[in-house]
Amino acid sequence: NMAWLGTGFYNDEYVKVGDQWKFKSRRFQQVHMEQRRPAATPAQH
């Protein structure tokens, strides 16, 4: 059950080690986030 809904992007940073690129860090930049309403419970019959 997800409590948040939104959009954004990851800002990845790489470092060159010898002749290869290695992953160094990742940060999430939110563009829009909103809290979701709880889902309605199904009616009991």
PDB file of N, CA and C in Angstrom:
ATOM      1  N   ASN A   1       0.846  -1.180   0.000  1.00  0.00           N
ATOM      2  CA  ASN A   1       0.000   0.000   0.000  1.00  0.00           C
ATOM      3  C   ASN A   1       0.888   1.239   0.000  1.00  0.00           C
ATOM      4  N   MET A   2       0.913   1.946  -1.104  1.00  0.00           N
ATOM      5  CA  MET A   2       1.745   3.142  -1.205  1.00  0.00           C
ATOM      6  C   MET A   2       1.021   4.331  -0.595  1.00  0.00           C
ATOM      7  N   ALA A   3       1.731   5.108   0.193  1.00  0.00           N
ATOM      8  CA  ALA A   3       1.133   6.266   0.833  1.00  0.00           C
ATOM      9  C   ALA A   3       1.399   7.551   0.058  1.00  0.00           C
ATOM     10  N   TRP A   4       2.375   7.541  -0.864  1.00  0.00           N
ATOM     11  CA  TRP A   4       2.736   8.741  -1.607  1.00  0.00           C
ATOM     12  C   TRP A   4       2.723   8.466  -3.101  1.00  0.00           C
ATOM     13  N   LEU A   5       2.385   9.474  -3.864  1.00  0.00           N
ATOM     14  CA  LEU A   5       2.383   9.394  -5.321  1.00  0.00           C
ATOM     15  C   LEU A   5       3.059  10.653  -5.838  1.00  0.00           C
ATOM     16  N   GLY A   6       3.963  10.506  -6.793  1.00  0.00           N
ATOM     17  CA  GLY A   6       4.630  11.701  -7.292  1.00  0.00           C
ATOM     18  C   GLY A   6       5.512  11.421  -8.486  1.00  0.00           C
ATOM     19  N   THR A   7       6.201  12.465  -8.903  1.00  0.00           N
ATOM     20  CA  THR A   7       7.136  12.367 -10.011  1.00  0.00           C
ATOM     21  C   THR A   7       8.452  13.011  -9.620  1.00  0.00           C
ATOM     22  N   GLY A   8       9.487  12.595 -10.287  1.00  0.00           N
ATOM     23  CA  GLY A   8      10.801  13.153 -10.028  1.00  0.00           C
ATOM     24  C   GLY A   8      11.832  12.474 -10.903  1.00  0.00           C
ATOM     25  N   PHE A   9      13.083  12.705 -10.575  1.00  0.00           N
ATOM     26  CA  PHE A   9      14.160  12.080 -11.338  1.00  0.00           C
ATOM     27  C   PHE A   9      15.338  11.809 -10.418  1.00  0.00           C
ATOM     28  N   TYR A  10      16.201  10.905 -10.852  1.00  0.00           N
ATOM     29  CA  TYR A  10      17.404  10.570 -10.109  1.00  0.00           C
ATOM     30  C   TYR A  10      18.580  11.351 -10.670  1.00  0.00           C
ATOM     31  N   ASN A  11      19.374  11.918  -9.785  1.00  0.00           N
ATOM     32  CA  ASN A  11      20.594  12.614 -10.156  1.00  0.00           C
ATOM     33  C   ASN A  11      21.750  11.696  -9.774  1.00  0.00           C
ATOM     34  N   ASP A  12      22.270  10.964 -10.755  1.00  0.00           N
ATOM     35  CA  ASP A  12      23.349  10.010 -10.511  1.00  0.00           C
ATOM     36  C   ASP A  12      24.704  10.675 -10.709  1.00  0.00           C
ATOM     37  N   GLU A  13      25.666  10.260  -9.892  1.00  0.00           N
ATOM     38  CA  GLU A  13      27.036  10.750 -10.016  1.00  0.00           C
ATOM     39  C   GLU A  13      27.948   9.554 -10.231  1.00  0.00           C
ATOM     40  N   TYR A  14      28.845   9.686 -11.191  1.00  0.00           N
ATOM     41  CA  TYR A  14      29.786   8.621 -11.523  1.00  0.00           C
ATOM     42  C   TYR A  14      31.205   9.142 -11.372  1.00  0.00           C
ATOM     43  N   VAL A  15      32.139   8.229 -11.191  1.00  0.00           N
ATOM     44  CA  VAL A  15      33.549   8.578 -11.097  1.00  0.00           C
ATOM     45  C   VAL A  15      34.317   7.632 -12.019  1.00  0.00           C
ATOM     46  N   LYS A  16      35.315   8.162 -12.693  1.00  0.00           N
ATOM     47  CA  LYS A  16      36.109   7.329 -13.596  1.00  0.00           C
ATOM     48  C   LYS A  16      37.258   6.711 -12.813  1.00  0.00           C
ATOM     49  N   VAL A  17      37.333   5.381 -12.851  1.00  0.00           N
ATOM     50  CA  VAL A  17      38.386   4.625 -12.175  1.00  0.00           C
ATOM     51  C   VAL A  17      39.146   3.886 -13.273  1.00  0.00           C
ATOM     52  N   GLY A  18      40.353   4.353 -13.554  1.00  0.00           N
ATOM     53  CA  GLY A  18      41.091   3.780 -14.680  1.00  0.00           C
ATOM     54  C   GLY A  18      40.369   4.118 -15.967  1.00  0.00           C
ATOM     55  N   ASP A  19      39.994   3.084 -16.721  1.00  0.00           N
ATOM     56  CA  ASP A  19      39.263   3.319 -17.972  1.00  0.00           C
ATOM     57  C   ASP A  19      37.778   2.969 -17.849  1.00  0.00           C
ATOM     58  N   GLN A  20      37.275   2.812 -16.609  1.00  0.00           N
ATOM     59  CA  GLN A  20      35.871   2.451 -16.384  1.00  0.00           C
ATOM     60  C   GLN A  20      35.166   3.527 -15.563  1.00  0.00           C
ATOM     61  N   TRP A  21      33.862   3.699 -15.843  1.00  0.00           N
ATOM     62  CA  TRP A  21      33.025   4.596 -15.051  1.00  0.00           C
ATOM     63  C   TRP A  21      32.315   3.775 -13.979  1.00  0.00           C
ATOM     64  N   LYS A  22      32.401   4.243 -12.731  1.00  0.00           N
ATOM     65  CA  LYS A  22      31.779   3.554 -11.597  1.00  0.00           C
ATOM     66  C   LYS A  22      30.706   4.450 -10.986  1.00  0.00           C
ATOM     67  N   PHE A  23      29.639   3.808 -10.504  1.00  0.00           N
ATOM     68  CA  PHE A  23      28.555   4.512  -9.823  1.00  0.00           C
ATOM     69  C   PHE A  23      29.066   5.032  -8.484  1.00  0.00           C
ATOM     70  N   LYS A  24      28.871   6.327  -8.198  1.00  0.00           N
ATOM     71  CA  LYS A  24      29.334   6.922  -6.942  1.00  0.00           C
ATOM     72  C   LYS A  24      28.180   7.248  -6.002  1.00  0.00           C
ATOM     73  N   SER A  25      27.127   7.898  -6.510  1.00  0.00           N
ATOM     74  CA  SER A  25      26.007   8.269  -5.636  1.00  0.00           C
ATOM     75  C   SER A  25      24.744   8.472  -6.458  1.00  0.00           C
ATOM     76  N   ARG A  26      23.609   8.489  -5.757  1.00  0.00           N
ATOM     77  CA  ARG A  26      22.311   8.732  -6.388  1.00  0.00           C
ATOM     78  C   ARG A  26      21.470   9.569  -5.434  1.00  0.00           C
ATOM     79  N   ARG A  27      20.885  10.635  -5.971  1.00  0.00           N
ATOM     80  CA  ARG A  27      19.960  11.473  -5.206  1.00  0.00           C
ATOM     81  C   ARG A  27      18.658  11.587  -5.984  1.00  0.00           C
ATOM     82  N   PHE A  28      17.543  11.534  -5.275  1.00  0.00           N
ATOM     83  CA  PHE A  28      16.232  11.676  -5.904  1.00  0.00           C
ATOM     84  C   PHE A  28      15.788  13.124  -5.789  1.00  0.00           C
ATOM     85  N   GLN A  29      15.442  13.717  -6.907  1.00  0.00           N
ATOM     86  CA  GLN A  29      14.926  15.087  -6.929  1.00  0.00           C
ATOM     87  C   GLN A  29      13.435  15.026  -7.205  1.00  0.00           C
ATOM     88  N   GLN A  30      12.642  15.360  -6.197  1.00  0.00           N
ATOM     89  CA  GLN A  30      11.194  15.308  -6.402  1.00  0.00           C
ATOM     90  C   GLN A  30      10.736  16.545  -7.160  1.00  0.00           C
ATOM     91  N   VAL A  31       9.794  16.330  -8.056  1.00  0.00           N
ATOM     92  CA  VAL A  31       9.200  17.415  -8.816  1.00  0.00           C
ATOM     93  C   VAL A  31       7.815  17.706  -8.251  1.00  0.00           C
ATOM     94  N   HIS A  32       7.087  16.646  -7.945  1.00  0.00           N
ATOM     95  CA  HIS A  32       5.740  16.791  -7.387  1.00  0.00           C
ATOM     96  C   HIS A  32       5.446  15.558  -6.542  1.00  0.00           C
ATOM     97  N   MET A  33       5.022  15.764  -5.314  1.00  0.00           N
ATOM     98  CA  MET A  33       4.647  14.655  -4.438  1.00  0.00           C
ATOM     99  C   MET A  33       3.330  15.006  -3.759  1.00  0.00           C
ATOM    100  N   GLU A  34       2.477  14.009  -3.613  1.00  0.00           N
ATOM    101  CA  GLU A  34       1.221  14.212  -2.885  1.00  0.00           C
ATOM    102  C   GLU A  34       0.890  12.939  -2.116  1.00  0.00           C
ATOM    103  N   GLN A  35       0.282  13.143  -0.979  1.00  0.00           N
ATOM    104  CA  GLN A  35      -0.128  12.006  -0.166  1.00  0.00           C
ATOM    105  C   GLN A  35      -1.418  11.440  -0.732  1.00  0.00           C
ATOM    106  N   ARG A  36      -1.448  10.132  -0.875  1.00  0.00           N
ATOM    107  CA  ARG A  36      -2.644   9.478  -1.410  1.00  0.00           C
ATOM    108  C   ARG A  36      -3.670   9.286  -0.310  1.00  0.00           C
ATOM    109  N   ARG A  37      -4.924   9.323  -0.692  1.00  0.00           N
ATOM    110  CA  ARG A  37      -6.002   9.031   0.251  1.00  0.00           C
ATOM    111  C   ARG A  37      -6.058   7.527   0.457  1.00  0.00           C
ATOM    112  N   PRO A  38      -6.450   7.075   1.633  1.00  0.00           N
ATOM    113  CA  PRO A  38      -6.591   5.626   1.848  1.00  0.00           C
ATOM    114  C   PRO A  38      -7.623   5.046   0.888  1.00  0.00           C
ATOM    115  N   ALA A  39      -7.372   3.851   0.426  1.00  0.00           N
ATOM    116  CA  ALA A  39      -8.310   3.179  -0.482  1.00  0.00           C
ATOM    117  C   ALA A  39      -9.599   2.864   0.259  1.00  0.00           C
ATOM    118  N   ALA A  40     -10.701   2.961  -0.440  1.00  0.00           N
ATOM    119  CA  ALA A  40     -12.000   2.625   0.154  1.00  0.00           C
ATOM    120  C   ALA A  40     -12.062   1.124   0.396  1.00  0.00           C
ATOM    121  N   THR A  41     -12.660   0.731   1.498  1.00  0.00           N
ATOM    122  CA  THR A  41     -12.806  -0.695   1.784  1.00  0.00           C
ATOM    123  C   THR A  41     -14.017  -1.235   1.044  1.00  0.00           C
ATOM    124  N   PRO A  42     -13.928  -2.448   0.504  1.00  0.00           N
ATOM    125  CA  PRO A  42     -15.070  -3.027  -0.218  1.00  0.00           C
ATOM    126  C   PRO A  42     -16.279  -3.201   0.698  1.00  0.00           C
ATOM    127  N   ALA A  43     -17.452  -3.017   0.145  1.00  0.00           N
ATOM    128  CA  ALA A  43     -18.693  -3.188   0.911  1.00  0.00           C
ATOM    129  C   ALA A  43     -18.892  -4.663   1.241  1.00  0.00           C
ATOM    130  N   GLN A  44     -19.369  -4.930   2.432  1.00  0.00           N
ATOM    131  CA  GLN A  44     -19.662  -6.304   2.857  1.00  0.00           C
ATOM    132  C   GLN A  44     -21.082  -6.657   2.441  1.00  0.00           C
ATOM    133  N   HIS A  45     -21.279  -7.843   1.871  1.00  0.00           N
ATOM    134  CA  HIS A  45     -22.617  -8.285   1.447  1.00  0.00           C
ATOM    135  C   HIS A  45     -23.161  -9.298   2.404  1.00  0.00           C
TER     136      HIS A  45
END
